[in-house]
Amino acid sequence: MTSVIQEDFALCICTFRRTEFLKRLLQDMLHQTMLPGVLIIVDGDPSSDSVSSLLKEIQFPERMKKWWLPSNHANLPYQRYLGWLALQNERLSYFIYLDDDLRIKRPETLSRIIEPLTREDGNVVGVTTELVHGLPADDQANALTMTSVQPGGDSLFVKWFGAARNIQPGGLSPSGHRRMPISNSAGISEVNWLTGGVMAYAFKAMFRHCFSEDLFAVYEVKSGKGEDTLLSRRVGASGKMYYLFGDHFEHPGGVLPVAYSTHPFQYGFALAYSRRMLNDDYRPYRSPLFSDRVALVKSYFGTAVLNWWRALKRPGLRQFQLAAGYSLGALKGLAQRPSARTLTPHIDWQADAAAALSKRVAV
């Protein structure tokens, strides 16, 4: 199979202690019909040397530019920022973020994701696609199940407190709850958010203000969730975003996230506290409305009550830890806006970014 290098296309992979997964993803990438002109790997654990060594082992096409960028913070939204910032002198049209633990099975997947961005009509600035998940690891599955407002036995809670029940398919609630789009004959649907595992952007639509130091801070103190929603909402403020059906990436089962904690208490706290940040940014670059705040309070109350109800109905340490974590995160979200000034006053994010860029290495 012959691959074509698209010189105005950059691929960024932010990684942290997943060298074997990264190796498989890079090998899959090399079998794509379209390859990026620029590949940048932002390494959240540069002291191990495992990623830099891996990049030297793999045989990449000579025309492809390869960069290893050692990050001074193991912090996903900050690493995404570094990847974008490092490429400001490149002449790019398309920019894709991929999670480091994905698999690409179809050779046309990357070209298919970029295709909507190439259309001159429609002002498309972002594209995502399906992630086919294996069975999630136990800790993550338990946390996700316990925090979700689901139909059936909890139908009354859904009726009164379900955050996304009145949101159109592909939409987003003021409290940051997504609603999945509905598949159609066209194989593409407009959405108001992108999935963090796969985010393709028009490079011209990405600016410094699309990245939030407040978001960096929330993740630095291990209280962050939903960074992909905030970034995609800000980029999407300048155009349309789409969800592709049919061309998917595979996400292996049994792999715990590293961007956030899956311990029930910490997960619950981060999930709740991050809702405040997503609510603040629900209308990018504008202040939230009173109705947006009401929606957040309602979501907090409903989810907290549901978590405690489930903990009392089926007592167990995990259930109580998650209910307590979520409740405390909600209280903090109501009392204090997440900000870099209060959470990481000791960190100068721009100075740290400049220091990281100075250590970028061409492979």
Protein backbone atom coordinates (compact mmCIF):
# COMPACT_ATOMS: atom_id res chain seq x y z
CA MET A 1 0.00 0.00 0.00
CA THR A 2 1.28 3.44 -0.94
CA SER A 3 0.90 6.22 1.61
CA VAL A 4 0.79 9.90 0.77
CA ILE A 5 2.30 12.46 3.12
CA GLN A 6 0.02 15.47 3.61
CA GLU A 7 2.51 18.21 4.46
CA ASP A 8 -0.06 20.63 5.89
CA PHE A 9 -1.41 18.02 8.32
CA ALA A 10 0.01 17.57 11.83
CA LEU A 11 -0.73 14.74 14.25
CA CYS A 12 -0.25 15.27 17.98
CA ILE A 13 -0.24 12.44 20.52
CA CYS A 14 -0.03 13.30 24.22
CA THR A 15 1.28 10.33 26.17
CA PHE A 16 2.05 9.30 29.74
CA ARG A 17 3.64 5.97 30.67
CA ARG A 18 1.97 3.98 27.89
CA THR A 19 4.87 3.24 25.61
CA GLU A 20 3.56 -0.12 24.38
CA PHE A 21 0.18 1.37 23.49
CA LEU A 22 1.88 4.30 21.77
CA LYS A 23 4.02 1.90 19.74
CA ARG A 24 0.94 0.06 18.45
CA LEU A 25 -0.78 3.31 17.55
CA LEU A 26 2.24 4.61 15.64
CA GLN A 27 2.52 1.33 13.75
CA ASP A 28 -1.16 1.57 12.84
CA MET A 29 -0.63 5.14 11.69
CA LEU A 30 2.13 4.11 9.30
CA HIS A 31 -0.38 1.89 7.48
CA GLN A 32 -2.71 4.80 6.73
CA THR A 33 -3.20 5.92 3.13
CA MET A 34 -2.54 9.49 4.26
CA LEU A 35 0.26 10.32 6.68
CA PRO A 36 0.88 13.56 8.56
CA GLY A 37 3.61 15.87 7.38
CA VAL A 38 4.37 16.61 11.02
CA LEU A 39 4.20 14.21 13.98
CA ILE A 40 4.65 15.55 17.49
CA ILE A 41 4.69 13.38 20.62
CA VAL A 42 4.22 15.29 23.88
CA ASP A 43 5.72 13.12 26.61
CA GLY A 44 4.32 13.48 30.13
CA ASP A 45 7.06 11.28 31.61
CA PRO A 46 10.26 12.34 29.82
CA SER A 47 12.59 11.16 32.59
CA SER A 48 12.00 7.51 31.64
CA ASP A 49 13.43 7.95 28.09
CA SER A 50 11.12 5.16 26.90
CA VAL A 51 9.19 7.32 24.43
CA SER A 52 12.23 9.06 22.97
CA SER A 53 13.89 5.65 22.51
CA LEU A 54 10.77 4.27 20.84
CA LEU A 55 10.71 7.11 18.32
CA LYS A 56 14.28 6.31 17.34
CA GLU A 57 13.41 2.64 16.79
CA ILE A 58 10.44 3.09 14.47
CA GLN A 59 11.14 3.58 10.79
CA PHE A 60 9.25 6.71 9.76
CA PRO A 61 9.20 8.15 6.23
CA GLU A 62 12.09 10.57 5.77
CA ARG A 63 9.81 13.38 4.57
CA MET A 64 7.78 13.29 7.77
CA LYS A 65 8.91 15.75 10.43
CA LYS A 66 9.07 14.09 13.87
CA TRP A 67 9.26 15.93 17.17
CA TRP A 68 9.63 14.66 20.72
CA LEU A 69 8.51 17.27 23.22
CA PRO A 70 9.22 16.55 26.90
CA SER A 71 6.46 18.09 29.01
CA ASN A 72 7.26 19.54 32.43
CA HIS A 73 3.74 18.69 33.64
CA ALA A 74 1.94 15.35 33.27
CA ASN A 75 -1.24 17.22 32.50
CA LEU A 76 -3.36 16.41 29.44
CA PRO A 77 -4.81 19.86 28.57
CA TYR A 78 -1.40 21.46 29.13
CA GLN A 79 0.25 18.82 26.93
CA ARG A 80 -2.31 19.53 24.21
CA TYR A 81 -1.39 23.19 24.47
CA LEU A 82 2.31 22.41 24.15
CA GLY A 83 1.68 20.35 21.03
CA TRP A 84 -0.22 23.19 19.39
CA LEU A 85 2.22 25.86 20.55
CA ALA A 86 5.24 23.97 19.22
CA LEU A 87 3.88 24.04 15.68
CA GLN A 88 3.23 27.76 15.29
CA ASN A 89 5.97 28.12 12.70
CA GLU A 90 4.65 25.27 10.56
CA ARG A 91 2.37 25.94 7.60
CA LEU A 92 -0.54 23.76 8.63
CA SER A 93 -4.16 23.37 7.62
CA TYR A 94 -5.23 20.37 9.70
CA PHE A 95 -4.37 19.28 13.23
CA ILE A 96 -5.43 16.02 14.90
CA TYR A 97 -5.14 14.99 18.53
CA LEU A 98 -5.18 11.25 19.25
CA ASP A 99 -5.13 9.47 22.60
CA ASP A 100 -2.08 7.26 23.00
CA ASP A 101 -4.00 4.01 23.62
CA LEU A 102 -6.11 3.87 20.44
CA ARG A 103 -5.93 1.45 17.52
CA ILE A 104 -6.62 2.34 13.88
CA LYS A 105 -7.87 -0.61 11.84
CA ARG A 106 -8.98 0.98 8.57
CA PRO A 107 -6.30 2.48 6.29
CA GLU A 108 -8.46 5.43 5.18
CA THR A 109 -9.50 6.56 8.66
CA LEU A 110 -7.25 9.62 9.00
CA SER A 111 -8.06 10.90 5.52
CA ARG A 112 -11.78 10.41 6.14
CA ILE A 113 -11.65 12.42 9.35
CA ILE A 114 -9.88 15.32 7.67
CA GLU A 115 -12.12 15.32 4.58
CA PRO A 116 -14.92 17.49 6.09
CA LEU A 117 -12.31 20.09 7.04
CA THR A 118 -11.22 20.39 3.41
CA ARG A 119 -14.62 21.52 2.17
CA GLU A 120 -14.60 25.16 1.18
CA ASP A 121 -18.27 25.58 2.03
CA GLY A 122 -19.76 25.06 5.48
CA ASN A 123 -17.00 26.57 7.67
CA VAL A 124 -16.14 23.26 9.35
CA VAL A 125 -13.57 23.70 12.14
CA GLY A 126 -13.77 20.39 14.02
CA VAL A 127 -14.43 16.68 13.41
CA THR A 128 -14.56 13.64 15.66
CA THR A 129 -15.62 10.05 15.18
CA GLU A 130 -16.67 6.90 17.00
CA LEU A 131 -14.55 5.17 19.61
CA VAL A 132 -15.36 1.48 19.90
CA HIS A 133 -14.63 0.54 23.50
CA GLY A 134 -13.70 -2.81 24.94
CA LEU A 135 -14.94 -3.69 28.41
CA PRO A 136 -13.77 -0.89 30.73
CA ALA A 137 -11.56 -1.62 33.69
CA ASP A 138 -13.47 -2.33 36.90
CA ASP A 139 -12.64 0.92 38.71
CA GLN A 140 -13.68 3.05 35.77
CA ALA A 141 -16.82 1.03 35.06
CA ASN A 142 -17.96 1.26 38.68
CA ALA A 143 -17.39 4.99 38.83
CA LEU A 144 -19.16 5.66 35.54
CA THR A 145 -22.14 3.50 36.49
CA MET A 146 -22.55 5.05 39.90
CA THR A 147 -22.50 8.64 38.65
CA SER A 148 -24.82 8.26 35.69
CA VAL A 149 -28.49 9.22 35.84
CA GLN A 150 -30.08 6.31 34.03
CA PRO A 151 -33.64 5.32 33.09
CA GLY A 152 -35.52 2.44 34.67
CA GLY A 153 -35.51 2.45 38.46
CA ASP A 154 -34.24 6.04 38.48
CA SER A 155 -36.75 7.32 35.92
CA LEU A 156 -38.14 9.93 38.33
CA PHE A 157 -34.68 11.42 38.72
CA VAL A 158 -34.28 11.48 34.95
CA LYS A 159 -37.59 13.31 34.61
CA TRP A 160 -36.72 16.02 37.12
CA PHE A 161 -32.93 16.19 37.16
CA GLY A 162 -31.63 14.54 33.97
CA ALA A 163 -29.28 17.22 32.61
CA ALA A 164 -29.44 16.20 28.94
CA ARG A 165 -33.08 15.18 28.64
CA ASN A 166 -34.09 18.39 26.80
CA ILE A 167 -30.90 18.65 24.75
CA GLN A 168 -30.96 17.87 21.04
CA PRO A 169 -28.85 14.93 19.77
CA GLY A 170 -25.26 16.10 19.47
CA GLY A 171 -25.88 18.89 21.95
CA LEU A 172 -24.47 19.84 25.33
CA SER A 173 -26.24 20.80 28.54
CA PRO A 174 -25.20 23.84 30.63
CA SER A 175 -23.80 21.44 33.22
CA GLY A 176 -21.53 19.82 30.64
CA HIS A 177 -23.51 16.66 29.88
CA ARG A 178 -23.24 15.52 26.27
CA ARG A 179 -25.91 13.88 24.20
CA MET A 180 -24.78 11.52 21.48
CA PRO A 181 -25.77 12.30 17.88
CA ILE A 182 -28.07 9.99 15.95
CA SER A 183 -26.67 8.03 13.02
CA ASN A 184 -28.12 8.95 9.64
CA SER A 185 -27.83 7.99 5.99
CA ALA A 186 -25.27 10.74 5.35
CA GLY A 187 -22.92 9.22 7.92
CA ILE A 188 -22.19 12.60 9.49
CA SER A 189 -23.99 14.72 12.07
CA GLU A 190 -23.39 18.19 13.49
CA VAL A 191 -22.38 18.30 17.17
CA ASN A 192 -21.51 20.90 19.80
CA TRP A 193 -18.51 19.03 21.21
CA LEU A 194 -15.73 16.66 20.16
CA THR A 195 -14.60 13.39 21.71
CA GLY A 196 -11.20 13.84 23.33
CA GLY A 197 -9.77 10.58 22.02
CA VAL A 198 -10.01 11.86 18.45
CA MET A 199 -10.20 15.57 17.72
CA ALA A 200 -9.47 16.96 14.25
CA TYR A 201 -9.31 20.74 13.90
CA ALA A 202 -8.87 23.33 11.21
CA PHE A 203 -5.55 24.82 12.35
CA LYS A 204 -6.67 28.33 11.40
CA ALA A 205 -9.46 28.10 13.99
CA MET A 206 -7.09 27.39 16.89
CA PHE A 207 -5.80 30.32 18.93
CA ARG A 208 -4.09 30.90 22.25
CA HIS A 209 -7.40 31.79 23.90
CA CYS A 210 -8.82 28.36 23.00
CA PHE A 211 -6.59 26.95 25.75
CA SER A 212 -7.37 27.70 29.39
CA GLU A 213 -4.80 28.05 32.17
CA ASP A 214 -7.66 27.48 34.60
CA LEU A 215 -8.16 24.10 32.95
CA PHE A 216 -4.44 23.34 33.26
CA ALA A 217 -4.70 24.11 36.98
CA VAL A 218 -7.72 21.86 37.60
CA TYR A 219 -5.92 18.92 36.00
CA GLU A 220 -2.69 19.72 37.81
CA VAL A 221 -4.42 19.24 41.18
CA LYS A 222 -6.10 16.05 39.87
CA SER A 223 -9.60 17.54 39.96
CA GLY A 224 -10.25 17.81 36.23
CA LYS A 225 -12.65 16.16 33.80
CA GLY A 226 -14.07 17.22 30.44
CA GLU A 227 -11.04 19.06 29.04
CA ASP A 228 -11.98 17.96 25.53
CA THR A 229 -15.40 19.57 25.89
CA LEU A 230 -13.97 22.94 26.88
CA LEU A 231 -11.33 23.00 24.14
CA SER A 232 -13.70 21.89 21.39
CA ARG A 233 -16.37 24.37 22.48
CA ARG A 234 -13.91 27.23 22.22
CA VAL A 235 -12.61 26.18 18.82
CA GLY A 236 -16.15 25.44 17.68
CA ALA A 237 -17.25 28.98 18.48
CA SER A 238 -15.80 30.01 15.11
CA GLY A 239 -17.51 27.37 12.96
CA LYS A 240 -19.24 24.01 12.78
CA MET A 241 -18.20 20.66 14.21
CA TYR A 242 -19.20 17.19 13.02
CA TYR A 243 -19.34 13.60 14.23
CA LEU A 244 -18.48 10.93 11.65
CA PHE A 245 -20.12 7.52 11.70
CA GLY A 246 -18.56 4.41 10.19
CA ASP A 247 -14.86 5.24 10.50
CA HIS A 248 -13.95 4.45 14.06
CA PHE A 249 -10.98 4.00 16.34
CA GLU A 250 -10.71 1.12 18.79
CA HIS A 251 -10.13 1.72 22.48
CA PRO A 252 -8.81 -1.34 24.36
CA GLY A 253 -10.66 -2.63 27.39
CA GLY A 254 -9.11 -2.89 30.82
CA VAL A 255 -6.99 0.26 30.45
CA LEU A 256 -7.49 2.82 33.20
CA PRO A 257 -7.33 6.52 32.31
CA VAL A 258 -4.21 8.41 33.37
CA ALA A 259 -5.53 11.95 32.84
CA TYR A 260 -7.74 11.70 35.91
CA SER A 261 -8.15 9.46 38.95
CA THR A 262 -10.61 6.56 38.93
CA HIS A 263 -10.61 6.20 42.72
CA PRO A 264 -14.32 6.66 43.55
CA PHE A 265 -13.87 9.63 45.91
CA GLN A 266 -11.42 11.50 43.69
CA TYR A 267 -13.37 10.65 40.55
CA GLY A 268 -16.62 11.90 42.07
CA PHE A 269 -14.98 15.11 43.28
CA ALA A 270 -13.38 15.81 39.89
CA LEU A 271 -16.58 15.03 38.02
CA ALA A 272 -18.58 17.48 40.11
CA TYR A 273 -16.00 20.25 40.39
CA SER A 274 -15.35 20.22 36.64
CA ARG A 275 -19.05 20.81 36.01
CA ARG A 276 -18.55 24.32 37.36
CA MET A 277 -15.80 25.03 34.83
CA LEU A 278 -17.88 23.65 31.95
CA ASN A 279 -20.81 25.74 33.15
CA ASP A 280 -18.65 28.87 33.26
CA ASP A 281 -17.56 28.18 29.68
CA TYR A 282 -20.90 26.95 28.35
CA ARG A 283 -21.17 30.06 26.17
CA PRO A 284 -17.54 30.48 25.05
CA TYR A 285 -16.12 33.94 25.68
CA ARG A 286 -19.41 35.09 27.26
CA SER A 287 -20.73 34.96 30.81
CA PRO A 288 -23.22 32.20 31.63
CA LEU A 289 -26.89 33.12 31.92
CA PHE A 290 -28.92 32.81 35.10
CA SER A 291 -30.69 29.82 33.54
CA ASP A 292 -27.29 28.15 33.01
CA ARG A 293 -26.53 28.50 36.72
CA VAL A 294 -29.93 27.08 37.63
CA ALA A 295 -29.23 24.08 35.39
CA LEU A 296 -25.90 23.50 37.16
CA VAL A 297 -27.46 23.64 40.63
CA LYS A 298 -30.24 21.32 39.54
CA SER A 299 -27.75 18.85 38.08
CA TYR A 300 -25.62 18.98 41.23
CA PHE A 301 -28.59 18.38 43.49
CA GLY A 302 -30.11 15.59 41.43
CA THR A 303 -26.87 13.68 40.93
CA ALA A 304 -25.83 14.06 44.58
CA VAL A 305 -29.21 12.79 45.83
CA LEU A 306 -29.08 9.88 43.38
CA ASN A 307 -25.56 8.93 44.45
CA TRP A 308 -26.54 8.88 48.13
CA TRP A 309 -29.72 6.97 47.35
CA ARG A 310 -27.72 4.29 45.57
CA ALA A 311 -25.16 4.20 48.39
CA LEU A 312 -27.88 3.63 50.97
CA LYS A 313 -29.81 1.20 48.79
CA ARG A 314 -26.78 -1.00 48.16
CA PRO A 315 -24.23 -0.15 50.85
CA GLY A 316 -20.60 -0.48 49.86
CA LEU A 317 -17.37 1.43 50.35
CA ARG A 318 -17.08 2.51 46.71
CA GLN A 319 -20.62 3.86 46.60
CA PHE A 320 -20.13 5.91 49.77
CA GLN A 321 -16.75 7.19 48.60
CA LEU A 322 -18.16 8.34 45.30
CA ALA A 323 -21.24 9.94 46.85
CA ALA A 324 -19.06 11.82 49.33
CA GLY A 325 -16.58 12.90 46.67
CA TYR A 326 -19.29 14.13 44.32
CA SER A 327 -21.08 16.05 47.08
CA LEU A 328 -17.89 17.80 48.20
CA GLY A 329 -16.97 18.59 44.60
CA ALA A 330 -20.41 20.07 44.01
CA LEU A 331 -20.16 22.22 47.15
CA LYS A 332 -16.74 23.48 46.10
CA GLY A 333 -18.04 24.11 42.59
CA LEU A 334 -20.83 26.26 43.99
CA ALA A 335 -18.50 28.13 46.33
CA GLN A 336 -15.39 28.69 44.22
CA ARG A 337 -14.72 29.07 40.51
CA PRO A 338 -11.86 26.82 39.35
CA SER A 339 -8.96 29.11 38.48
CA ALA A 340 -5.20 28.97 38.06
CA ARG A 341 -4.86 31.87 40.49
CA THR A 342 -6.34 29.91 43.38
CA LEU A 343 -5.36 26.33 42.45
CA THR A 344 -1.81 26.76 41.12
CA PRO A 345 -0.58 30.22 42.17
CA HIS A 346 2.99 28.88 42.22
CA ILE A 347 2.98 27.96 38.52
CA ASP A 348 3.67 30.38 35.66
CA TRP A 349 2.11 28.34 32.87
CA GLN A 350 3.49 30.41 30.02
CA ALA A 351 7.02 30.40 31.42
CA ASP A 352 6.83 26.64 31.89
CA ALA A 353 5.56 26.22 28.33
CA ALA A 354 8.47 28.25 26.98
CA ALA A 355 10.89 26.12 29.01
CA ALA A 356 9.35 22.91 27.66
CA LEU A 357 9.52 24.12 24.06
CA SER A 358 13.21 24.88 24.43
CA LYS A 359 13.80 21.14 25.01
CA ARG A 360 11.95 19.96 21.92
CA VAL A 361 13.97 17.42 19.94
CA ALA A 362 13.76 16.52 16.25
CA VAL A 363 13.78 12.74 15.81
